[in-house]
Protein backbone atom coordinates (compact mmCIF):
# COMPACT_ATOMS: atom_id res chain seq x y z
CA MET A 1 17.82 -43.81 27.73
CA THR A 2 15.48 -40.84 27.79
CA VAL A 3 16.24 -37.22 27.20
CA ASN A 4 15.47 -34.90 30.08
CA ASP A 5 13.35 -32.07 28.62
CA THR A 6 12.59 -30.49 31.98
CA GLY A 7 16.08 -29.30 32.85
CA PRO A 8 17.21 -25.68 33.02
CA ASP A 9 18.21 -25.52 29.36
CA ALA A 10 14.84 -26.80 28.19
CA VAL A 11 12.94 -24.44 30.47
CA THR A 12 15.07 -21.52 29.30
CA GLY A 13 14.45 -22.51 25.69
CA ARG A 14 10.68 -22.61 26.16
CA SER A 15 10.76 -19.28 27.99
CA GLY A 16 12.78 -17.73 25.18
CA LEU A 17 10.32 -19.07 22.62
CA ARG A 18 7.37 -17.59 24.53
CA ASN A 19 9.16 -14.24 24.84
CA GLY A 20 9.93 -14.31 21.12
CA LYS A 21 6.27 -14.90 20.31
CA LYS A 22 5.23 -12.05 22.61
CA ALA A 23 7.71 -9.74 20.90
CA ALA A 24 6.44 -10.78 17.46
CA ASP A 25 2.86 -10.15 18.57
CA GLY A 26 3.47 -6.89 20.43
CA LEU A 27 6.47 -5.04 19.00
CA PRO A 28 4.97 -4.38 15.54
CA ALA A 29 1.77 -3.11 17.17
CA VAL A 30 3.74 -0.64 19.29
CA ALA A 31 5.73 0.41 16.22
CA ALA A 32 2.51 0.96 14.26
CA VAL A 33 1.07 3.21 16.99
CA ALA A 34 4.27 5.27 17.13
CA LEU A 35 4.68 5.60 13.37
CA PHE A 36 1.06 6.50 12.66
CA ALA A 37 0.99 8.99 15.53
CA LEU A 38 4.05 10.77 14.13
CA LEU A 39 2.64 10.54 10.62
CA PHE A 40 -0.70 12.15 11.44
CA ILE A 41 0.56 14.71 13.93
CA GLY A 42 3.35 15.93 11.66
CA ARG A 43 1.57 15.13 8.35
CA GLY A 44 4.80 13.42 7.36
CA PHE A 45 8.30 12.60 8.54
CA GLY A 46 10.64 15.58 8.34
CA PRO A 47 11.00 16.78 4.74
CA LEU A 48 8.91 13.89 3.39
CA ASP A 49 5.27 14.59 2.62
CA PHE A 50 2.37 12.45 3.85
CA TRP A 51 2.43 10.00 0.92
CA TRP A 52 6.15 9.27 0.98
CA SER A 53 6.00 8.99 4.77
CA MET A 54 2.98 6.68 4.71
CA SER A 55 4.71 4.46 2.17
CA GLY A 56 7.87 4.35 4.28
CA ALA A 57 5.93 3.53 7.45
CA VAL A 58 4.09 0.67 5.75
CA LEU A 59 7.30 -0.78 4.29
CA LEU A 60 9.00 -0.54 7.68
CA LEU A 61 6.14 -2.39 9.42
CA VAL A 62 6.04 -5.12 6.77
CA GLY A 63 9.81 -5.51 7.03
CA LEU A 64 9.64 -5.71 10.82
CA GLY A 65 7.01 -8.43 10.53
CA ALA A 66 9.19 -10.39 8.11
CA VAL A 67 12.13 -10.23 10.54
CA LEU A 68 10.09 -11.32 13.58
CA ASP A 69 8.05 -14.03 11.83
CA ARG A 70 10.11 -16.01 9.34
CA GLY A 71 7.02 -17.86 8.07
CA TYR A 72 5.26 -14.61 7.22
CA PRO A 73 6.68 -14.07 3.69
CA ALA A 74 6.00 -17.69 2.76
CA SER A 75 2.38 -17.41 3.88
CA LEU A 76 1.97 -14.36 1.63
CA ALA A 77 3.44 -16.18 -1.37
CA ARG A 78 1.07 -19.15 -1.01
CA ASP A 79 -2.18 -17.21 -1.35
CA PRO A 80 -2.00 -16.14 -5.04
CA ARG A 81 -1.17 -19.68 -6.15
CA SER A 82 -4.79 -20.83 -5.96
CA GLY A 83 -7.90 -19.14 -7.32
CA ALA A 84 -6.12 -15.86 -8.02
CA LEU A 85 -8.63 -14.65 -10.63
CA ARG A 86 -11.58 -15.42 -8.37
CA LYS A 87 -9.91 -13.55 -5.49
CA LEU A 88 -9.21 -10.55 -7.73
CA VAL A 89 -12.84 -10.36 -8.82
CA LEU A 90 -14.15 -10.79 -5.28
CA GLY A 91 -11.73 -8.13 -4.09
CA LEU A 92 -13.06 -5.66 -6.65
CA LEU A 93 -16.65 -6.50 -5.72
CA ALA A 94 -15.82 -6.00 -2.04
CA ALA A 95 -14.28 -2.61 -2.86
CA ALA A 96 -17.46 -1.63 -4.72
CA ALA A 97 -19.60 -2.73 -1.77
CA LEU A 98 -17.48 -0.73 0.67
CA TYR A 99 -17.62 2.31 -1.60
CA GLY A 100 -21.41 2.01 -1.56
CA ILE A 101 -21.40 1.91 2.24
CA PHE A 102 -19.28 5.06 2.32
CA TRP A 103 -21.48 6.82 -0.25
CA VAL A 104 -24.48 6.30 2.01
CA GLY A 105 -22.44 7.25 5.07
CA ASN A 106 -21.16 10.40 3.37
CA GLU A 107 -24.67 11.60 2.54
CA ALA A 108 -26.08 10.70 5.96
CA SER A 109 -23.20 12.18 7.99
CA ARG A 110 -23.31 15.51 6.16
CA TRP A 111 -27.02 15.73 6.94
CA LEU A 112 -26.73 14.61 10.57
CA PHE A 113 -23.49 16.17 11.81
CA PRO A 114 -22.42 19.80 11.31
CA PHE A 115 -18.73 18.85 11.58
CA ALA A 116 -18.86 16.09 8.95
CA SER A 117 -18.20 18.23 5.86
CA GLY A 118 -15.13 19.83 7.41
CA GLY A 119 -13.77 16.49 8.62
CA ILE A 120 -14.23 14.85 5.22
CA GLY A 121 -12.59 17.83 3.54
CA ARG A 122 -9.57 17.59 5.84
CA VAL A 123 -9.03 13.98 4.76
CA TYR A 124 -8.57 15.20 1.20
CA ASP A 125 -6.19 17.93 2.35
CA PHE A 126 -3.54 15.19 2.51
CA LYS A 127 -3.46 15.39 -1.30
CA ALA A 128 -2.40 19.04 -1.27
CA GLY A 129 0.96 19.68 -2.90
CA ALA A 130 1.45 16.08 -4.07
CA ALA A 131 1.38 15.11 -7.74
CA LEU A 132 -1.62 12.91 -8.50
CA PRO A 133 0.36 10.31 -10.52
CA ARG A 134 2.67 9.82 -7.54
CA ILE A 135 -0.28 9.39 -5.17
CA ILE A 136 -1.79 6.81 -7.51
CA LEU A 137 1.46 4.83 -7.82
CA LEU A 138 2.16 4.83 -4.07
CA MET A 139 -1.42 3.83 -3.28
CA ALA A 140 -1.49 1.06 -5.87
CA LEU A 141 1.96 -0.40 -5.26
CA ILE A 142 2.73 0.21 -1.58
CA ILE A 143 0.07 1.77 0.63
CA GLY A 144 -3.04 -0.22 -0.34
CA PRO A 145 -1.49 -3.71 -0.50
CA GLY A 146 1.10 -2.95 2.18
CA GLU A 147 -1.44 -1.95 4.82
CA GLU A 148 -3.30 -5.23 4.35
CA ILE A 149 -0.08 -7.24 4.33
CA PHE A 150 0.74 -5.76 7.74
CA TRP A 151 -2.61 -5.21 9.47
CA ARG A 152 -4.39 -8.36 8.33
CA ALA A 153 -1.83 -10.88 7.06
CA TYR A 154 0.61 -10.20 9.88
CA LEU A 155 -1.06 -8.65 12.93
CA GLN A 156 -4.58 -10.04 12.69
CA ARG A 157 -3.34 -13.50 11.68
CA ARG A 158 -1.01 -13.66 14.66
CA TRP A 159 -3.54 -12.21 17.11
CA GLN A 160 -6.22 -14.63 15.95
CA ALA A 161 -3.81 -17.50 16.58
CA ARG A 162 -2.88 -16.11 20.00
CA PHE A 163 -6.20 -14.82 21.36
CA GLY A 164 -8.80 -16.63 19.29
CA ARG A 165 -10.50 -15.92 15.98
CA TRP A 166 -13.01 -13.25 17.00
CA PRO A 167 -10.95 -11.57 19.75
CA GLY A 168 -7.93 -11.37 17.44
CA PHE A 169 -10.00 -9.90 14.62
CA LEU A 170 -11.67 -7.32 16.88
CA ALA A 171 -8.40 -6.35 18.60
CA ALA A 172 -6.65 -5.78 15.26
CA ALA A 173 -9.60 -3.73 13.96
CA ALA A 174 -9.60 -1.68 17.18
CA LEU A 175 -5.88 -0.93 16.91
CA TYR A 176 -6.28 -0.02 13.22
CA THR A 177 -8.93 2.50 14.32
CA LEU A 178 -6.87 3.77 17.25
CA VAL A 179 -3.79 4.68 15.22
CA HIS A 180 -5.89 7.11 13.16
CA ALA A 181 -6.95 9.00 16.31
CA ALA A 182 -3.73 11.05 16.21
CA SER A 183 -5.19 12.85 13.19
CA GLY A 184 -7.73 14.53 15.49
CA ASN A 185 -10.32 14.01 12.75
CA VAL A 186 -13.46 12.24 13.93
CA MET A 187 -14.55 11.43 10.38
CA LEU A 188 -11.21 9.79 9.57
CA VAL A 189 -11.37 7.72 12.75
CA LEU A 190 -14.92 6.59 11.92
CA ALA A 191 -13.83 5.71 8.39
CA ALA A 192 -10.89 3.71 9.77
CA ALA A 193 -13.22 1.84 12.13
CA ILE A 194 -15.55 0.85 9.29
CA CYS A 195 -12.66 -0.16 7.03
CA GLY A 196 -10.88 -2.07 9.80
CA VAL A 197 -13.98 -4.11 10.59
CA PHE A 198 -14.83 -4.64 6.91
CA TRP A 199 -11.41 -5.80 5.74
CA GLY A 200 -10.69 -7.62 8.99
CA PHE A 201 -13.92 -9.60 8.74
CA LEU A 202 -13.25 -10.30 5.07
CA TYR A 203 -9.80 -11.65 5.93
CA MET A 204 -11.13 -13.68 8.85
CA LYS A 205 -13.74 -15.34 6.63
CA THR A 206 -11.62 -15.91 3.49
CA GLY A 207 -8.04 -16.08 4.78
CA SER A 208 -6.97 -14.46 1.49
CA ILE A 209 -4.58 -11.53 1.68
CA LEU A 210 -4.79 -11.13 -2.11
CA LEU A 211 -8.54 -10.58 -1.90
CA VAL A 212 -8.38 -7.96 0.87
CA ALA A 213 -5.33 -6.23 -0.66
CA VAL A 214 -7.18 -5.82 -3.97
CA SER A 215 -10.24 -4.55 -2.10
CA HIS A 216 -8.21 -2.02 -0.09
CA THR A 217 -6.23 -0.77 -3.10
CA ALA A 218 -9.26 -0.44 -5.37
CA TRP A 219 -11.23 1.34 -2.63
CA ASP A 220 -8.35 3.75 -1.96
CA LEU A 221 -8.14 4.68 -5.64
CA ALA A 222 -11.91 5.06 -5.92
CA VAL A 223 -12.23 7.29 -2.85
CA PHE A 224 -9.12 9.43 -3.33
CA VAL A 225 -8.79 9.59 -7.12
CA LEU A 226 -11.72 8.36 -9.20
CA TRP A 227 -14.86 9.33 -7.29
CA PRO A 228 -13.89 11.32 -4.19
CA PHE A 229 -16.49 12.46 -1.67
CA SER A 230 -15.11 16.00 -1.48
């Protein structure tokens, strides 16, 4: 006796599965656009300043991903189990390389574009009124690693599986750039584009979220705290 897998129940089940995958691929992206738009337009959510709001937005997106993709947390836990020290070192080296790219870009943009100095300065205005130790802790523990856990380990991973390796990588990098447009700051959008391509390519080639999270966190601390460009 054979089981009929083409009946109404089976068709409905496959349709539900496809709809679930579409929701898991699309809903977090829509949520990211909405949250980052509100974050940059209002420079925070209600009474919360930019840094608390950014941390909350990142945690919300990571949590949404974990709800929609049950295999997502397990995939994160697997990465540090092999070659963790090597990934840490490579992540730091990648952060240093990206900082070098931005150092050159900072000097060149200030020379080429009259608006560059003002745009770069406005990026650092986000620090105004916030205690530096709190910024450092939120960057190191939530914002830096959390952004990579969402943008690369969740969204890019899923989009690469759905659309193909290169299209998924480029689409995720494009959306990462787009969500910064609400800031109205051309220099911040350009910086996001460079970072999105850099970390997205790094994740596509290595598949290591630990490596890119270390790179993002170390670069954040270098640019905003240790050796800022403004």
